[in-house]
Amino acid sequence: MAAKRTPDHLKVISGTARPDRMNPDAPQPAQGIATAPQWLSERASVLFAEVAAILDGLGLSSPVDVFALALLASRLEEVEICTAVIEDAGRTYSTTATSGDKLMRARPEVAMKNEAMRHAQSLLAEFGLTPAARSKVSAGKNAGENPFAALDRS
């Protein structure tokens, strides 16, 4: 399986941009904070707003990311819901087999939580919100900032 293509803006930020590997015709998304879609639940809308604010603080937010952010918020909500069920009811339940033996089985919410966490982690990485994803880019310093301004010349 081939590696995912790195978006051009991440190549520029990380300092690996080369003209032969850039797409001059790539669309340039508008900057700004995405608004949560109406179909999100109340809790997912709160999570959506939190992630959108984080992305805005990093200078990575765009309204065109609304659906990917909505997926992320939904998956994060699902992790919370499954965690609550597991905390209340436990990780396992007992049942009786057709032979009459007692069996201990994993709750379905355990697998659902694992899958939601795996998908959420993947989406977080897509937005650059994991330590590994952040280590691949560099924010750089403000061009107007003089690193020697604090030194006294007298």
Protein backbone atom coordinates (compact mmCIF):
# COMPACT_ATOMS: atom_id res chain seq x y z
CA MET A 1 0.00 0.00 0.00
CA ALA A 2 1.42 3.36 -0.97
CA ALA A 3 1.98 6.09 1.60
CA LYS A 4 -0.62 8.85 1.83
CA ARG A 5 0.15 11.95 -0.16
CA THR A 6 1.26 14.82 2.06
CA PRO A 7 -0.68 18.03 1.40
CA ASP A 8 1.44 20.81 -0.11
CA HIS A 9 0.86 23.21 2.78
CA LEU A 10 2.32 20.65 5.19
CA LYS A 11 5.37 20.26 2.94
CA VAL A 12 5.91 24.02 3.07
CA ILE A 13 5.53 24.13 6.85
CA SER A 14 7.87 21.18 7.38
CA GLY A 15 10.50 22.56 5.00
CA THR A 16 10.36 19.63 2.58
CA ALA A 17 8.63 21.45 -0.28
CA ARG A 18 10.21 20.92 -3.68
CA PRO A 19 8.79 22.32 -6.92
CA ASP A 20 8.80 18.88 -8.58
CA ARG A 21 6.68 17.44 -5.76
CA MET A 22 4.19 20.28 -5.41
CA ASN A 23 0.81 20.56 -7.08
CA PRO A 24 0.48 24.11 -8.43
CA ASP A 25 -3.19 23.47 -9.24
CA ALA A 26 -4.13 22.30 -5.73
CA PRO A 27 -7.17 24.11 -4.33
CA GLN A 28 -6.48 26.63 -1.57
CA PRO A 29 -9.10 26.29 1.18
CA ALA A 30 -10.38 29.43 2.85
CA GLN A 31 -9.16 30.14 6.37
CA GLY A 32 -11.68 30.28 9.20
CA ILE A 33 -13.47 28.17 11.75
CA ALA A 34 -15.90 25.52 10.55
CA THR A 35 -19.46 25.53 11.88
CA ALA A 36 -20.88 22.29 13.24
CA PRO A 37 -23.55 20.71 11.02
CA GLN A 38 -27.10 20.56 12.37
CA TRP A 39 -27.19 16.76 12.39
CA LEU A 40 -24.54 16.46 15.11
CA SER A 41 -25.77 15.69 18.61
CA GLU A 42 -25.41 18.31 21.32
CA ARG A 43 -22.30 16.65 22.81
CA ALA A 44 -20.70 16.07 19.39
CA SER A 45 -21.30 19.76 18.59
CA VAL A 46 -19.39 20.73 21.73
CA LEU A 47 -16.52 18.41 20.77
CA PHE A 48 -16.62 19.82 17.22
CA ALA A 49 -16.26 23.37 18.58
CA GLU A 50 -13.37 22.35 20.85
CA VAL A 51 -11.42 20.70 18.04
CA ALA A 52 -12.18 23.58 15.64
CA ALA A 53 -10.81 26.04 18.22
CA ILE A 54 -7.64 24.00 18.63
CA LEU A 55 -7.14 23.89 14.86
CA ASP A 56 -7.74 27.63 14.66
CA GLY A 57 -5.12 28.21 17.34
CA LEU A 58 -2.64 26.21 15.28
CA GLY A 59 -3.53 28.14 12.13
CA LEU A 60 -4.89 24.99 10.48
CA SER A 61 -8.63 25.63 10.49
CA SER A 62 -10.78 25.89 7.42
CA PRO A 63 -14.55 25.76 6.91
CA VAL A 64 -14.07 23.15 4.18
CA ASP A 65 -13.04 20.62 6.84
CA VAL A 66 -16.57 20.60 8.28
CA PHE A 67 -17.39 16.98 7.41
CA ALA A 68 -14.07 15.50 8.52
CA LEU A 69 -14.39 17.45 11.78
CA ALA A 70 -17.97 16.20 12.17
CA LEU A 71 -16.76 12.60 11.74
CA LEU A 72 -14.07 13.18 14.35
CA ALA A 73 -16.52 14.74 16.81
CA SER A 74 -18.97 11.85 16.30
CA ARG A 75 -16.27 9.27 16.93
CA LEU A 76 -15.05 11.09 20.04
CA GLU A 77 -18.62 11.14 21.34
CA GLU A 78 -18.93 7.42 20.63
CA VAL A 79 -15.77 6.78 22.68
CA GLU A 80 -17.34 8.71 25.58
CA ILE A 81 -20.65 6.79 25.32
CA CYS A 82 -18.99 3.38 25.15
CA THR A 83 -16.69 4.29 28.05
CA ALA A 84 -19.70 5.23 30.19
CA VAL A 85 -21.45 1.92 29.43
CA ILE A 86 -18.30 -0.06 30.20
CA GLU A 87 -17.77 1.80 33.48
CA ASP A 88 -21.37 1.14 34.52
CA ALA A 89 -21.80 -2.45 33.34
CA GLY A 90 -18.22 -3.77 33.21
CA ARG A 91 -16.11 -5.10 30.35
CA THR A 92 -17.74 -8.53 30.37
CA TYR A 93 -21.12 -10.16 30.89
CA SER A 94 -22.13 -13.72 31.67
CA THR A 95 -24.39 -15.81 29.51
CA THR A 96 -25.44 -19.42 29.31
CA ALA A 97 -24.32 -21.60 26.43
CA THR A 98 -26.71 -24.01 24.74
CA SER A 99 -24.97 -26.78 26.71
CA GLY A 100 -25.93 -25.04 29.94
CA ASP A 101 -22.39 -23.87 30.77
CA LYS A 102 -21.86 -20.34 32.04
CA LEU A 103 -19.78 -18.20 29.69
CA MET A 104 -18.08 -14.86 30.21
CA ARG A 105 -18.09 -12.69 27.09
CA ALA A 106 -16.71 -9.28 26.25
CA ARG A 107 -19.32 -6.55 26.03
CA PRO A 108 -19.94 -5.37 22.45
CA GLU A 109 -19.22 -1.82 23.65
CA VAL A 110 -15.58 -2.79 24.26
CA ALA A 111 -15.06 -3.59 20.57
CA MET A 112 -17.14 -0.56 19.55
CA LYS A 113 -14.99 1.70 21.73
CA ASN A 114 -11.77 0.23 20.32
CA GLU A 115 -12.92 0.81 16.75
CA ALA A 116 -14.10 4.36 17.51
CA MET A 117 -10.77 5.13 19.21
CA ARG A 118 -8.81 3.76 16.25
CA HIS A 119 -10.84 5.84 13.80
CA ALA A 120 -10.65 8.97 16.00
CA GLN A 121 -6.86 8.59 16.28
CA SER A 122 -6.61 8.34 12.50
CA LEU A 123 -8.72 11.48 12.06
CA LEU A 124 -6.72 13.35 14.73
CA ALA A 125 -3.54 12.50 12.81
CA GLU A 126 -5.10 13.77 9.57
CA PHE A 127 -5.57 17.15 11.27
CA GLY A 128 -2.06 17.12 12.77
CA LEU A 129 -3.39 16.74 16.32
CA THR A 130 -1.21 13.87 17.52
CA PRO A 131 2.38 14.12 18.79
CA ALA A 132 3.67 12.06 15.85
CA ALA A 133 1.80 14.19 13.31
CA ARG A 134 3.05 17.41 14.93
CA SER A 135 6.63 16.15 14.89
CA LYS A 136 6.44 16.03 11.09
CA VAL A 137 5.78 19.77 10.76
CA SER A 138 7.47 22.86 12.08
CA ALA A 139 5.60 26.04 12.83
CA GLY A 140 8.67 28.19 12.27
CA LYS A 141 9.40 31.50 13.94
CA ASN A 142 7.86 34.87 13.31
CA ALA A 143 9.97 36.57 10.61
CA GLY A 144 9.80 39.89 12.48
CA GLU A 145 11.09 38.36 15.71
CA ASN A 146 14.75 39.17 16.40
CA PRO A 147 16.35 36.41 18.51
CA PHE A 148 19.10 38.81 19.59
CA ALA A 149 16.81 41.66 20.71
CA ALA A 150 17.22 40.71 24.38
CA LEU A 151 21.01 41.10 24.26
CA ASP A 152 22.37 44.34 25.61
CA ARG A 153 24.92 46.04 23.33
CA SER A 154 26.37 48.45 25.89
